[in-house]
Protein backbone atom coordinates (compact mmCIF):
# COMPACT_ATOMS: atom_id res chain seq x y z
CA MET A 1 14.59 -19.24 35.31
CA ARG A 2 16.76 -16.88 33.32
CA GLU A 3 19.29 -19.30 31.85
CA ASP A 4 16.84 -22.07 30.87
CA PRO A 5 13.20 -20.92 31.22
CA GLY A 6 11.97 -24.19 29.68
CA VAL A 7 13.56 -26.36 32.34
CA TYR A 8 12.39 -23.99 35.07
CA ALA A 9 8.80 -24.14 33.84
CA ALA A 10 8.86 -27.92 33.41
CA ALA A 11 10.30 -28.65 36.88
CA ASP A 12 7.65 -30.27 39.05
CA ARG A 13 9.55 -30.03 42.33
CA TRP A 14 12.72 -28.47 43.69
CA ILE A 15 14.85 -30.17 46.30
CA GLU A 16 18.11 -29.25 48.04
CA ALA A 17 21.12 -31.43 47.19
CA ALA A 18 21.47 -32.56 50.81
CA ASP A 19 17.87 -33.78 50.86
CA TRP A 20 18.25 -35.39 47.42
CA ILE A 21 21.25 -37.40 48.57
CA VAL A 22 19.40 -38.62 51.63
CA TRP A 23 16.49 -39.55 49.37
CA GLN A 24 18.82 -41.66 47.20
CA LEU A 25 20.22 -43.37 50.26
CA THR A 26 16.89 -44.21 51.91
CA GLY A 27 14.35 -44.23 49.10
CA ALA A 28 12.26 -41.86 51.23
CA GLU A 29 11.94 -38.16 50.42
CA SER A 30 12.56 -35.77 53.36
CA ARG A 31 13.35 -32.13 54.02
CA ASN A 32 15.64 -30.71 56.70
CA PRO A 33 14.98 -27.39 58.54
CA CYS A 34 18.52 -26.11 58.06
CA THR A 35 18.55 -25.82 54.28
CA ALA A 36 14.84 -25.04 54.22
CA GLY A 37 15.44 -22.08 56.55
CA TYR A 38 18.73 -20.63 55.37
CA LYS A 39 18.24 -21.29 51.65
CA GLY A 40 14.48 -21.55 51.20
CA ILE A 41 13.73 -18.81 53.77
CA HIS A 42 11.26 -21.09 55.54
CA GLN A 43 10.26 -19.37 58.80
CA ASP A 44 7.29 -19.55 61.19
CA GLY A 45 6.03 -22.65 59.46
CA ARG A 46 5.91 -21.30 55.91
CA TYR A 47 7.90 -20.05 52.93
CA PRO A 48 7.73 -16.45 51.65
CA GLY A 49 4.32 -15.37 50.41
CA GLU A 50 3.22 -14.94 46.81
CA ALA A 51 3.33 -11.15 46.93
CA PHE A 52 6.94 -11.13 48.09
CA LEU A 53 8.00 -13.62 45.41
CA ALA A 54 6.12 -11.77 42.66
CA GLY A 55 7.88 -8.59 43.69
CA LEU A 56 11.22 -10.27 42.98
CA HIS A 57 10.09 -11.63 39.60
CA PRO A 58 6.62 -12.43 38.22
CA ASP A 59 7.72 -16.00 37.36
CA PHE A 60 8.51 -16.70 41.01
CA THR A 61 4.80 -16.78 41.78
CA GLY A 62 3.88 -20.30 42.77
CA PHE A 63 7.52 -21.37 43.15
CA THR A 64 7.34 -22.34 46.83
CA ALA A 65 4.56 -24.85 46.05
CA LYS A 66 7.32 -26.90 44.37
CA LEU A 67 9.32 -26.87 47.63
CA GLU A 68 6.55 -27.91 49.98
CA HIS A 69 7.22 -31.02 52.06
CA ALA A 70 7.05 -31.72 55.76
CA LEU A 71 10.27 -30.85 57.62
CA THR A 72 12.01 -33.53 59.69
CA PRO A 73 13.82 -32.18 62.80
CA LEU A 74 17.61 -32.18 62.85
CA GLY A 75 19.06 -35.33 64.42
CA ALA A 76 15.98 -37.38 63.47
CA PRO A 77 16.17 -40.41 61.20
CA ALA A 78 15.16 -39.86 57.59
CA GLY A 79 15.06 -43.59 56.89
CA ARG A 80 17.32 -46.59 56.47
CA LEU A 81 19.89 -47.50 53.87
CA THR A 82 18.36 -49.36 50.92
CA PRO A 83 20.02 -52.46 49.41
CA ARG A 84 21.06 -50.43 46.39
CA ALA A 85 22.62 -47.66 48.55
CA ALA A 86 24.29 -50.24 50.76
CA ALA A 87 26.00 -51.78 47.71
CA LEU A 88 27.02 -48.32 46.52
CA THR A 89 28.47 -47.16 49.86
CA GLY A 90 29.74 -50.42 51.31
CA LEU A 91 27.64 -49.87 54.45
CA ARG A 92 25.20 -52.32 55.94
CA GLU A 93 21.67 -52.44 54.58
CA GLY A 94 19.26 -50.93 57.06
CA THR A 95 21.76 -48.50 58.59
CA VAL A 96 19.92 -45.45 59.95
CA VAL A 97 20.40 -42.27 57.89
CA ALA A 98 19.91 -38.89 59.56
CA VAL A 99 18.22 -36.00 57.79
CA GLY A 100 20.42 -33.70 55.70
CA ASN A 101 22.27 -30.66 56.92
CA VAL A 102 24.80 -27.96 55.91
CA ASP A 103 28.52 -28.45 56.41
CA ALA A 104 29.14 -25.26 58.40
CA HIS A 105 26.08 -25.57 60.58
CA VAL A 106 26.62 -29.21 61.46
CA THR A 107 30.17 -28.35 62.54
CA CYS A 108 28.69 -26.51 65.55
CA ALA A 109 27.97 -29.87 67.16
CA ALA A 110 31.53 -31.04 66.46
CA ALA A 111 32.99 -27.87 68.03
CA GLN A 112 30.64 -27.96 71.03
CA ALA A 113 29.36 -24.53 69.97
CA LEU A 114 25.64 -25.11 70.46
CA ASP A 115 24.93 -23.05 73.57
CA PRO A 116 23.73 -19.42 73.31
CA GLY A 117 26.56 -16.98 72.70
CA ARG A 118 29.10 -19.45 71.39
CA MET A 119 30.17 -18.21 67.96
CA LEU A 120 31.79 -20.65 65.55
CA ALA A 121 33.87 -19.38 62.62
CA ILE A 122 34.52 -21.96 59.91
CA MET A 123 37.60 -20.47 58.27
CA GLY A 124 38.86 -21.49 54.85
CA THR A 125 38.71 -19.82 51.43
CA SER A 126 35.86 -17.82 53.01
CA THR A 127 34.50 -17.75 56.57
CA CYS A 128 31.06 -18.67 57.81
CA HIS A 129 30.08 -17.44 61.27
CA ILE A 130 27.38 -19.40 63.12
CA LEU A 131 25.90 -18.22 66.42
CA ASN A 132 23.05 -19.78 68.41
CA SER A 133 21.00 -17.54 70.65
CA ASP A 134 17.79 -17.41 72.66
CA VAL A 135 17.52 -13.77 71.52
CA LEU A 136 15.77 -12.85 68.27
CA ALA A 137 16.94 -9.46 66.96
CA GLU A 138 17.49 -7.55 63.77
CA VAL A 139 21.24 -7.84 63.26
CA PRO A 140 22.52 -5.82 60.26
CA GLY A 141 24.04 -7.84 57.46
CA MET A 142 23.21 -11.31 58.69
CA CYS A 143 22.72 -13.97 56.03
CA GLY A 144 19.89 -15.68 57.86
CA VAL A 145 18.40 -16.46 61.24
CA VAL A 146 16.43 -19.67 61.59
CA ARG A 147 14.60 -21.08 64.57
CA ASP A 148 15.88 -24.66 65.15
CA GLY A 149 18.21 -24.20 62.17
CA VAL A 150 21.29 -25.49 64.04
CA VAL A 151 19.95 -26.98 67.24
CA PRO A 152 16.35 -27.33 68.42
CA GLY A 153 15.09 -24.54 70.68
CA LEU A 154 17.43 -21.73 69.63
CA TRP A 155 17.73 -19.16 66.87
CA GLY A 156 20.67 -19.96 64.58
CA TYR A 157 22.31 -16.88 63.07
CA GLU A 158 24.56 -17.04 60.04
CA ALA A 159 27.03 -14.36 58.93
CA GLY A 160 30.12 -14.53 56.80
CA GLN A 161 33.06 -13.09 54.93
CA SER A 162 33.16 -13.77 51.20
CA GLY A 163 36.93 -14.04 51.03
CA VAL A 164 39.57 -14.95 53.62
CA GLY A 165 41.95 -17.69 52.51
CA ASP A 166 41.17 -16.75 48.92
CA ILE A 167 42.53 -13.27 49.55
CA LEU A 168 45.80 -14.64 50.93
CA ALA A 169 46.07 -16.97 47.94
CA TRP A 170 45.52 -13.99 45.62
CA ALA A 171 48.48 -12.22 47.29
CA VAL A 172 50.74 -15.23 46.85
CA ARG A 173 49.79 -15.57 43.19
CA ASN A 174 50.12 -11.93 42.28
CA ALA A 175 52.29 -10.04 44.75
CA VAL A 176 55.28 -12.25 45.48
CA PRO A 177 58.58 -11.97 43.49
CA ASP A 178 60.45 -15.02 42.22
CA GLU A 179 63.13 -14.83 44.88
CA TYR A 180 60.57 -15.52 47.59
CA ALA A 181 59.35 -18.65 45.81
CA ALA A 182 62.96 -19.72 45.33
CA GLU A 183 63.76 -19.26 49.04
CA ALA A 184 60.63 -21.19 50.01
CA ARG A 185 61.64 -24.10 47.77
CA ARG A 186 65.20 -24.05 49.09
CA ARG A 187 63.92 -24.22 52.68
CA GLY A 188 61.30 -26.88 51.98
CA MET A 189 58.28 -24.71 52.75
CA ASP A 190 55.50 -23.12 50.72
CA VAL A 191 55.26 -19.39 50.07
CA HIS A 192 52.42 -18.94 52.61
CA GLU A 193 54.70 -20.32 55.31
CA LEU A 194 57.58 -18.02 54.30
CA LEU A 195 55.35 -14.95 54.23
CA THR A 196 53.81 -15.89 57.55
CA GLU A 197 57.25 -16.31 59.14
CA ARG A 198 58.36 -12.88 57.97
CA ALA A 199 55.06 -11.21 58.80
CA ALA A 200 55.05 -12.64 62.34
CA ALA A 201 58.43 -11.02 63.01
CA GLN A 202 56.92 -7.51 62.73
CA PRO A 203 55.39 -5.50 65.57
CA VAL A 204 51.79 -4.43 65.12
CA GLY A 205 51.52 -1.45 62.77
CA ALA A 206 55.16 -1.58 61.55
CA HIS A 207 54.16 -2.16 57.93
CA GLY A 208 52.18 1.10 57.83
CA LEU A 209 49.34 -0.53 55.90
CA LEU A 210 45.62 -0.92 56.23
CA ALA A 211 43.50 -3.14 54.01
CA LEU A 212 39.82 -3.76 53.31
CA ASP A 213 39.08 -7.47 52.92
CA TRP A 214 36.54 -7.06 50.13
CA HIS A 215 38.28 -8.78 47.20
CA SER A 216 35.16 -10.97 46.87
CA GLY A 217 32.78 -8.28 48.00
CA ASN A 218 31.38 -7.88 51.50
CA ARG A 219 28.90 -10.46 52.78
CA SER A 220 28.48 -9.31 56.34
CA VAL A 221 27.72 -6.70 57.48
CA LEU A 222 27.35 -4.57 54.34
CA VAL A 223 25.86 -7.26 52.01
CA ASP A 224 27.39 -5.74 48.89
CA HIS A 225 29.24 -8.01 46.47
CA HIS A 226 30.10 -5.04 44.23
CA LEU A 227 32.61 -3.69 46.79
CA SER A 228 36.30 -4.43 46.19
CA GLY A 229 39.55 -4.84 48.08
CA LEU A 230 41.85 -2.02 49.05
CA VAL A 231 45.36 -1.67 50.48
CA LEU A 232 46.24 1.73 51.85
CA GLY A 233 49.70 3.00 52.78
CA LEU A 234 51.87 1.40 50.06
CA THR A 235 55.35 2.88 49.58
CA LEU A 236 58.48 1.88 47.72
CA ASP A 237 59.60 0.18 50.94
CA THR A 238 56.52 -2.06 51.19
CA ARG A 239 57.39 -5.77 51.02
CA PRO A 240 55.24 -8.80 50.23
CA GLU A 241 55.11 -9.88 53.86
CA ASP A 242 53.79 -6.43 54.75
CA VAL A 243 50.88 -6.82 52.38
CA TYR A 244 50.30 -10.39 53.53
CA ARG A 245 50.11 -9.35 57.17
CA ALA A 246 47.85 -6.42 56.38
CA LEU A 247 45.45 -8.76 54.57
CA ILE A 248 45.40 -11.21 57.50
CA GLU A 249 44.66 -8.31 59.84
CA ALA A 250 41.90 -7.03 57.56
CA THR A 251 40.12 -10.39 57.67
CA ALA A 252 40.39 -10.34 61.49
CA PHE A 253 38.97 -6.77 61.55
CA GLY A 254 36.12 -7.98 59.33
CA THR A 255 35.31 -10.70 61.88
CA ARG A 256 35.44 -8.17 64.73
CA THR A 257 32.99 -6.02 62.80
CA ILE A 258 30.59 -8.97 62.65
CA VAL A 259 31.00 -9.77 66.35
CA GLU A 260 30.30 -6.13 67.23
CA ALA A 261 27.23 -6.05 65.00
CA PHE A 262 25.74 -8.90 67.01
CA GLU A 263 26.54 -7.36 70.35
CA THR A 264 25.28 -3.90 69.33
CA ALA A 265 21.97 -5.54 68.28
CA GLY A 266 21.63 -7.16 71.71
CA VAL A 267 22.73 -10.67 70.72
CA PRO A 268 25.62 -11.60 73.10
CA VAL A 269 28.79 -13.29 71.83
CA THR A 270 30.25 -14.93 74.90
CA ASP A 271 33.09 -16.89 73.29
CA PHE A 272 34.68 -17.60 69.92
CA THR A 273 35.67 -20.93 68.41
CA ALA A 274 37.43 -21.47 65.08
CA ALA A 275 37.42 -24.41 62.70
CA GLY A 276 38.56 -25.07 59.16
CA GLY A 277 41.75 -25.14 57.13
CA LEU A 278 43.13 -21.81 58.30
CA LEU A 279 43.71 -23.30 61.77
CA ARG A 280 47.00 -24.56 60.27
CA ASN A 281 48.30 -20.95 60.33
CA ARG A 282 49.04 -20.34 64.01
CA PHE A 283 50.12 -16.76 63.44
CA LEU A 284 46.84 -15.95 61.73
CA MET A 285 44.91 -17.45 64.61
CA GLN A 286 46.91 -15.41 67.13
CA VAL A 287 46.15 -12.24 65.17
CA TYR A 288 42.44 -13.04 65.47
CA SER A 289 42.76 -13.49 69.22
CA ASP A 290 44.62 -10.19 69.56
CA VAL A 291 42.21 -8.26 67.30
CA LEU A 292 39.13 -9.68 69.03
CA ASN A 293 40.82 -9.27 72.43
CA ARG A 294 39.33 -12.56 73.55
CA PRO A 295 40.49 -16.17 73.73
CA VAL A 296 40.03 -18.28 70.61
CA HIS A 297 39.07 -21.93 71.10
CA VAL A 298 39.60 -24.35 68.21
CA LEU A 299 37.89 -27.45 66.92
CA ALA A 300 40.17 -30.36 67.84
CA SER A 301 39.41 -32.29 64.66
CA THR A 302 40.52 -31.82 61.05
CA GLN A 303 37.18 -33.20 59.83
CA GLY A 304 34.60 -30.92 61.45
CA PRO A 305 31.65 -31.50 59.10
CA ALA A 306 32.23 -35.27 59.17
CA LEU A 307 32.35 -35.31 62.96
CA GLY A 308 29.26 -33.11 63.13
CA ALA A 309 27.43 -35.42 60.73
CA ALA A 310 28.43 -38.42 62.87
CA ILE A 311 27.04 -36.65 65.96
CA HIS A 312 23.70 -36.11 64.23
CA ALA A 313 23.76 -39.72 63.00
CA ALA A 314 24.39 -40.96 66.50
CA VAL A 315 21.25 -39.15 67.67
CA ALA A 316 19.24 -40.49 64.75
CA ALA A 317 20.40 -44.03 65.56
CA GLY A 318 19.45 -43.68 69.23
CA ALA A 319 22.97 -43.72 70.68
CA HIS A 320 22.32 -40.32 72.31
CA PRO A 321 18.99 -38.69 73.21
CA ASP A 322 19.59 -35.33 71.59
CA ILE A 323 22.16 -33.23 69.68
CA ARG A 324 23.43 -31.37 72.76
CA THR A 325 24.12 -34.57 74.63
CA ALA A 326 25.82 -36.14 71.66
CA SER A 327 27.92 -33.01 71.10
CA ALA A 328 29.08 -33.05 74.75
CA ALA A 329 30.11 -36.70 74.39
CA MET A 330 31.54 -36.74 70.88
CA GLY A 331 32.56 -33.12 70.12
CA ARG A 332 36.14 -31.98 70.40
CA ARG A 333 37.19 -28.45 71.34
CA GLN A 334 40.56 -27.16 72.56
CA GLU A 335 39.81 -24.43 75.07
CA ASN A 336 41.88 -21.20 75.01
CA ALA A 337 44.13 -22.38 72.23
CA TYR A 338 45.04 -18.74 71.65
CA THR A 339 44.83 -15.92 74.18
CA PRO A 340 45.23 -12.18 73.48
CA ASP A 341 48.36 -10.28 74.25
CA PRO A 342 47.31 -7.04 76.00
CA ALA A 343 49.89 -4.82 74.27
CA ARG A 344 49.12 -6.17 70.83
CA SER A 345 45.38 -5.91 71.43
CA ALA A 346 45.76 -2.25 72.43
CA ALA A 347 47.76 -1.56 69.28
CA TYR A 348 45.13 -3.34 67.17
CA ASP A 349 42.38 -1.24 68.75
CA ARG A 350 44.02 1.81 67.20
CA LEU A 351 44.36 0.14 63.79
CA TYR A 352 40.78 -1.16 63.99
CA ALA A 353 39.48 2.36 64.51
CA GLU A 354 41.12 3.31 61.22
CA TYR A 355 39.71 0.16 59.56
CA ARG A 356 36.18 1.12 60.64
CA ALA A 357 36.68 4.61 59.23
CA LEU A 358 37.69 3.10 55.87
CA HIS A 359 34.92 0.49 56.12
CA ASP A 360 32.19 3.09 56.62
CA HIS A 361 33.60 5.55 54.08
CA PHE A 362 33.75 3.08 51.19
CA GLY A 363 30.91 0.81 52.36
CA ARG A 364 28.32 3.17 53.74
CA GLY A 365 28.13 6.04 51.31
CA GLY A 366 31.18 8.18 51.97
CA SER A 367 32.46 7.33 48.50
CA ASP A 368 30.91 5.29 45.72
CA VAL A 369 34.21 4.95 43.86
CA MET A 370 34.36 1.16 44.14
CA HIS A 371 31.00 0.82 42.39
CA ARG A 372 32.02 3.29 39.74
CA LEU A 373 35.27 1.44 39.08
CA ARG A 374 33.41 -1.81 38.70
CA ALA A 375 30.98 -0.20 36.26
CA LEU A 376 33.90 1.19 34.21
CA ARG A 377 35.53 -2.24 34.19
CA SER A 378 32.32 -3.93 33.05
CA ALA A 379 31.82 -1.41 30.27
CA ALA A 380 35.42 -1.82 29.06
CA LEU A 381 35.16 -5.59 29.02
CA ALA A 382 31.81 -5.47 27.23
CA ALA A 383 33.34 -3.23 24.55
CA HIS A 384 36.35 -5.53 24.15
CA PRO A 385 35.01 -9.08 24.90
CA THR A 386 38.22 -10.86 23.84
CA THR A 387 40.42 -8.92 26.27
């Protein structure tokens, strides 16, 4: 609308990429309730009203008419593979194709995290938290709550952290001296593994640091992408592994903040399952268990979205009667892969109290310095565009 008003005005219909791909595979247009709900804000049988859209921008008026299409329930067939799509994919013509979905949300079926209270954290460059519940509540900072958005019959909540693995990658790129990289090469490991090894050798709190995991802003629970990262407690004795561990801990504290937001709002979180690329870092996962002071289960598959999509396809093809049954039969979850150490959890409780003090000070009005610094940066870059 802003970048190319002509194309926006000329567009007859808008369709999510997941639905478009299914359309190309089957030749039949469909819409799924997951993307319609979380992205299109479709709720209670309708999209947002004209007055709401006009309040955002006058040119939004009438936009949802270009989205309108009947929604097909998750796990239902959208159609069958056309001859053209069969030749393109190498699959048999007539193969049943399930309706579209979102990678994080479909992973809930793979991780057997469909029942109320089972939170799934898909952990990679960022983290997406999905929680199904029979309770509808106003939970601060959630990115969406959709009836039937993950599994029929329940409210599917979505929360998230804008940066997790990205923050650790930033530290490796910018805060590690050459001798660390040389040692890692000499020992046949990458720098992440070296920093993890050294960080894991420390007792909780020994680095004297506390970080805010806002390098990419804060998605949940503050919903403010203009916030920025912070590391407090640096001295001339601070080492790269100290910063690395403090950043890991900060991301775990961020997840605990999200869990507590749900529980404070009356939406129980009964257990916690993790999936995604960060499962490869066992120390990181143990930190999460200690910080949350609860067991962490893990998805026992390296291809969570693919397994989840297969579960939905099995339902669509009639191999299982519903998503829950298919998840129980086909999903893979390792129970209690990580359990909290009482002494470390107690130490992390003390650090977490300090994290929440920093979190609320910089994120809830105690100081607006992060916003002011961003404004100064933007002004400086605007004045010197080639810098």
